[in-house]
């Protein structure tokens, strides 16, 4: 089981992504779609690779 959440640092104007952390998968979706839009799903290993890759750092 898991739960969708967004960062407490996110603005309240729905300009962020929500993350779902499950036992073996991670989901990503846009907050402005209110759960009705597309979702991206990754294995836990893929998500860990993304987070540790540094590709998103500026």
C-alpha atoms as a PDB file:
ATOM      1  CA  UNK A   1       0.000   0.000   0.000  1.00  0.00           C
ATOM      2  CA  UNK A   2       1.029   3.585  -0.409  1.00  0.00           C
ATOM      3  CA  UNK A   3      -0.222   7.132  -0.418  1.00  0.00           C
ATOM      4  CA  UNK A   4       0.018  10.133  -2.755  1.00  0.00           C
ATOM      5  CA  UNK A   5       1.697  13.221  -1.296  1.00  0.00           C
ATOM      6  CA  UNK A   6       3.407  16.422  -2.351  1.00  0.00           C
ATOM      7  CA  UNK A   7       6.208  18.361  -0.764  1.00  0.00           C
ATOM      8  CA  UNK A   8       5.337  20.742   2.042  1.00  0.00           C
ATOM      9  CA  UNK A   9       7.490  23.259   0.141  1.00  0.00           C
ATOM     10  CA  UNK A  10       5.127  23.166  -2.842  1.00  0.00           C
ATOM     11  CA  UNK A  11       3.012  26.236  -3.560  1.00  0.00           C
ATOM     12  CA  UNK A  12      -0.723  25.915  -2.987  1.00  0.00           C
ATOM     13  CA  UNK A  13      -1.516  26.813  -6.623  1.00  0.00           C
ATOM     14  CA  UNK A  14      -1.191  23.205  -7.878  1.00  0.00           C
ATOM     15  CA  UNK A  15       2.158  23.825  -9.543  1.00  0.00           C
ATOM     16  CA  UNK A  16       3.932  20.696  -8.404  1.00  0.00           C
ATOM     17  CA  UNK A  17       3.973  16.938  -8.714  1.00  0.00           C
ATOM     18  CA  UNK A  18       2.635  14.360  -6.323  1.00  0.00           C
ATOM     19  CA  UNK A  19       4.569  11.231  -5.481  1.00  0.00           C
ATOM     20  CA  UNK A  20       3.184   7.824  -4.554  1.00  0.00           C
ATOM     21  CA  UNK A  21       5.519   5.628  -2.530  1.00  0.00           C
ATOM     22  CA  UNK A  22       4.517   1.992  -2.551  1.00  0.00           C
ATOM     23  CA  UNK A  23       6.365  -1.098  -1.406  1.00  0.00           C
ATOM     24  CA  UNK A  24       7.880  -1.819  -4.811  1.00  0.00           C
ATOM     25  CA  UNK A  25       6.803   1.079  -7.039  1.00  0.00           C
ATOM     26  CA  UNK A  26       6.758   4.855  -7.208  1.00  0.00           C
ATOM     27  CA  UNK A  27       4.166   6.964  -9.022  1.00  0.00           C
ATOM     28  CA  UNK A  28       4.414  10.559 -10.219  1.00  0.00           C
ATOM     29  CA  UNK A  29       1.526  12.798 -11.311  1.00  0.00           C
ATOM     30  CA  UNK A  30       0.748  16.489 -11.794  1.00  0.00           C
ATOM     31  CA  UNK A  31      -1.192  18.108  -8.941  1.00  0.00           C
ATOM     32  CA  UNK A  32      -3.224  20.315 -11.278  1.00  0.00           C
ATOM     33  CA  UNK A  33      -4.943  17.226 -12.723  1.00  0.00           C
ATOM     34  CA  UNK A  34      -6.415  16.358  -9.291  1.00  0.00           C
ATOM     35  CA  UNK A  35      -5.799  12.644  -9.812  1.00  0.00           C
ATOM     36  CA  UNK A  36      -7.536  12.522 -13.197  1.00  0.00           C
ATOM     37  CA  UNK A  37      -4.503  12.939 -15.446  1.00  0.00           C
ATOM     38  CA  UNK A  38      -1.743  10.603 -16.549  1.00  0.00           C
ATOM     39  CA  UNK A  39       0.596   8.977 -14.078  1.00  0.00           C
ATOM     40  CA  UNK A  40       4.161   7.777 -14.506  1.00  0.00           C
ATOM     41  CA  UNK A  41       5.151   4.601 -12.683  1.00  0.00           C
ATOM     42  CA  UNK A  42       8.637   3.385 -11.805  1.00  0.00           C
ATOM     43  CA  UNK A  43      10.077   0.436  -9.966  1.00  0.00           C
ATOM     44  CA  UNK A  44      11.734   1.278  -6.669  1.00  0.00           C
ATOM     45  CA  UNK A  45      15.107   0.598  -8.290  1.00  0.00           C
ATOM     46  CA  UNK A  46      14.396   2.950 -11.222  1.00  0.00           C
ATOM     47  CA  UNK A  47      13.313   5.699  -8.807  1.00  0.00           C
ATOM     48  CA  UNK A  48      16.433   5.274  -6.692  1.00  0.00           C
ATOM     49  CA  UNK A  49      18.589   5.473  -9.835  1.00  0.00           C
ATOM     50  CA  UNK A  50      16.832   8.710 -10.825  1.00  0.00           C
ATOM     51  CA  UNK A  51      17.296  10.284  -7.392  1.00  0.00           C
ATOM     52  CA  UNK A  52      20.964   9.379  -7.161  1.00  0.00           C
ATOM     53  CA  UNK A  53      21.816  10.250 -10.783  1.00  0.00           C
ATOM     54  CA  UNK A  54      21.987  14.003 -10.146  1.00  0.00           C
ATOM     55  CA  UNK A  55      20.377  14.654 -13.549  1.00  0.00           C
ATOM     56  CA  UNK A  56      17.784  16.945 -11.968  1.00  0.00           C
ATOM     57  CA  UNK A  57      20.290  19.046 -10.010  1.00  0.00           C
ATOM     58  CA  UNK A  58      21.110  22.505 -11.290  1.00  0.00           C
END
